Amino acid sequence: MEPAPSLNADPATAGRIVTGRIVTDRFVTVHAAGLRFALPMAAVAEIVRPPELVPVPLAPPSLLGLARRRGVALPVIGLARLLGL
């Protein structure tokens, strides 16, 4: 019987799922303009609900606005606009 998948504590493979001898990277997928993109889980700090955005005058089209998170103003980027899709 195959052991249950578990997160590996080895720093070289941190954030990967280990099943037997197979090491699988973990990803977060996002959709933009009908396409699916995958980001490494290690590059993602957190996933939150879409925030209320404050528009920024004269901003580039890819900047959707600013969102407040824990008292900090964060830029919110439109992936499809950024990539020209």
C-alpha atoms as a PDB file:
ATOM      1  CA  MET A   1       0.000   0.000   0.000  1.00  0.00           C
ATOM      2  CA  GLU A   2       1.289   3.460  -0.995  1.00  0.00           C
ATOM      3  CA  PRO A   3       1.842   5.884   1.943  1.00  0.00           C
ATOM      4  CA  ALA A   4      -0.417   8.937   2.137  1.00  0.00           C
ATOM      5  CA  PRO A   5       0.975  12.117   0.565  1.00  0.00           C
ATOM      6  CA  SER A   6       2.755  14.384   3.024  1.00  0.00           C
ATOM      7  CA  LEU A   7       4.580  17.695   2.955  1.00  0.00           C
ATOM      8  CA  ASN A   8       8.305  17.168   2.912  1.00  0.00           C
ATOM      9  CA  ALA A   9      10.288  18.832   5.731  1.00  0.00           C
ATOM     10  CA  ASP A  10      13.488  18.722   3.642  1.00  0.00           C
ATOM     11  CA  PRO A  11      14.381  22.391   2.791  1.00  0.00           C
ATOM     12  CA  ALA A  12      15.433  21.345  -0.724  1.00  0.00           C
ATOM     13  CA  THR A  13      11.871  20.209  -1.464  1.00  0.00           C
ATOM     14  CA  ALA A  14       9.900  22.420   0.948  1.00  0.00           C
ATOM     15  CA  GLY A  15       6.317  23.024  -0.149  1.00  0.00           C
ATOM     16  CA  ARG A  16       6.271  19.931  -2.348  1.00  0.00           C
ATOM     17  CA  ILE A  17       4.073  16.892  -1.957  1.00  0.00           C
ATOM     18  CA  VAL A  18       5.944  13.624  -1.564  1.00  0.00           C
ATOM     19  CA  THR A  19       4.269  10.306  -2.412  1.00  0.00           C
ATOM     20  CA  GLY A  20       6.595   7.331  -2.303  1.00  0.00           C
ATOM     21  CA  ARG A  21       9.499   8.399  -4.515  1.00  0.00           C
ATOM     22  CA  ILE A  22       7.587  11.042  -6.517  1.00  0.00           C
ATOM     23  CA  VAL A  23       8.012  14.716  -5.568  1.00  0.00           C
ATOM     24  CA  THR A  24       5.332  17.025  -6.984  1.00  0.00           C
ATOM     25  CA  ASP A  25       5.504  20.823  -6.938  1.00  0.00           C
ATOM     26  CA  ARG A  26       2.434  22.667  -5.653  1.00  0.00           C
ATOM     27  CA  PHE A  27       0.889  25.494  -7.662  1.00  0.00           C
ATOM     28  CA  VAL A  28      -1.886  28.065  -7.423  1.00  0.00           C
ATOM     29  CA  THR A  29      -3.796  28.508 -10.674  1.00  0.00           C
ATOM     30  CA  VAL A  30      -5.403  31.744 -11.840  1.00  0.00           C
ATOM     31  CA  HIS A  31      -7.571  32.458 -14.871  1.00  0.00           C
ATOM     32  CA  ALA A  32      -7.191  35.509 -17.119  1.00  0.00           C
ATOM     33  CA  ALA A  33      -8.687  36.118 -20.565  1.00  0.00           C
ATOM     34  CA  GLY A  34      -9.782  32.483 -20.847  1.00  0.00           C
ATOM     35  CA  LEU A  35      -6.279  31.170 -20.101  1.00  0.00           C
ATOM     36  CA  ARG A  36      -4.997  29.339 -17.014  1.00  0.00           C
ATOM     37  CA  PHE A  37      -1.712  30.335 -15.378  1.00  0.00           C
ATOM     38  CA  ALA A  38       0.115  28.480 -12.596  1.00  0.00           C
ATOM     39  CA  LEU A  39       2.200  30.171  -9.920  1.00  0.00           C
ATOM     40  CA  PRO A  40       4.487  28.249  -7.557  1.00  0.00           C
ATOM     41  CA  MET A  41       2.842  28.002  -4.128  1.00  0.00           C
ATOM     42  CA  ALA A  42       6.080  29.232  -2.540  1.00  0.00           C
ATOM     43  CA  ALA A  43       5.655  32.589  -4.353  1.00  0.00           C
ATOM     44  CA  VAL A  44       2.155  33.177  -2.915  1.00  0.00           C
ATOM     45  CA  ALA A  45       1.888  34.875   0.500  1.00  0.00           C
ATOM     46  CA  GLU A  46      -1.907  34.591   0.838  1.00  0.00           C
ATOM     47  CA  ILE A  47      -5.138  34.403  -1.129  1.00  0.00           C
ATOM     48  CA  VAL A  48      -7.910  36.847  -0.208  1.00  0.00           C
ATOM     49  CA  ARG A  49     -11.341  37.839  -1.475  1.00  0.00           C
ATOM     50  CA  PRO A  50     -11.348  40.634  -4.068  1.00  0.00           C
ATOM     51  CA  PRO A  51     -10.996  43.913  -2.141  1.00  0.00           C
ATOM     52  CA  GLU A  52     -12.649  47.268  -2.733  1.00  0.00           C
ATOM     53  CA  LEU A  53     -10.395  49.193  -5.114  1.00  0.00           C
ATOM     54  CA  VAL A  54      -9.560  52.892  -5.122  1.00  0.00           C
ATOM     55  CA  PRO A  55      -8.831  54.126  -8.667  1.00  0.00           C
ATOM     56  CA  VAL A  56      -5.483  55.796  -9.363  1.00  0.00           C
ATOM     57  CA  PRO A  57      -5.668  58.735 -11.810  1.00  0.00           C
ATOM     58  CA  LEU A  58      -3.259  58.522 -14.776  1.00  0.00           C
ATOM     59  CA  ALA A  59      -2.230  54.961 -13.833  1.00  0.00           C
ATOM     60  CA  PRO A  60      -1.309  52.454 -16.550  1.00  0.00           C
ATOM     61  CA  PRO A  61      -4.230  50.288 -17.742  1.00  0.00           C
ATOM     62  CA  SER A  62      -2.863  47.204 -15.946  1.00  0.00           C
ATOM     63  CA  LEU A  63      -3.145  48.928 -12.533  1.00  0.00           C
ATOM     64  CA  LEU A  64      -6.750  48.276 -11.525  1.00  0.00           C
ATOM     65  CA  GLY A  65      -6.422  50.382  -8.389  1.00  0.00           C
ATOM     66  CA  LEU A  66      -5.202  50.337  -4.800  1.00  0.00           C
ATOM     67  CA  ALA A  67      -6.536  48.070  -2.068  1.00  0.00           C
ATOM     68  CA  ARG A  68      -6.094  48.496   1.667  1.00  0.00           C
ATOM     69  CA  ARG A  69      -4.849  45.373   3.450  1.00  0.00           C
ATOM     70  CA  ARG A  70      -3.917  45.521   7.137  1.00  0.00           C
ATOM     71  CA  GLY A  71      -3.481  49.284   6.887  1.00  0.00           C
ATOM     72  CA  VAL A  72      -1.186  49.165   3.855  1.00  0.00           C
ATOM     73  CA  ALA A  73      -2.104  50.384   0.358  1.00  0.00           C
ATOM     74  CA  LEU A  74      -1.357  47.612  -2.147  1.00  0.00           C
ATOM     75  CA  PRO A  75      -1.421  47.899  -5.947  1.00  0.00           C
ATOM     76  CA  VAL A  76      -3.850  45.510  -7.666  1.00  0.00           C
ATOM     77  CA  ILE A  77      -2.745  44.475 -11.147  1.00  0.00           C
ATOM     78  CA  GLY A  78      -4.968  43.032 -13.906  1.00  0.00           C
ATOM     79  CA  LEU A  79      -3.033  40.029 -15.231  1.00  0.00           C
ATOM     80  CA  ALA A  80      -4.854  39.983 -18.582  1.00  0.00           C
ATOM     81  CA  ARG A  81      -4.212  43.700 -19.095  1.00  0.00           C
ATOM     82  CA  LEU A  82      -0.586  43.375 -18.012  1.00  0.00           C
ATOM     83  CA  LEU A  83       0.028  40.576 -20.516  1.00  0.00           C
ATOM     84  CA  GLY A  84      -1.975  42.317 -23.256  1.00  0.00           C
ATOM     85  CA  LEU A  85      -4.575  39.541 -23.472  1.00  0.00           C
END
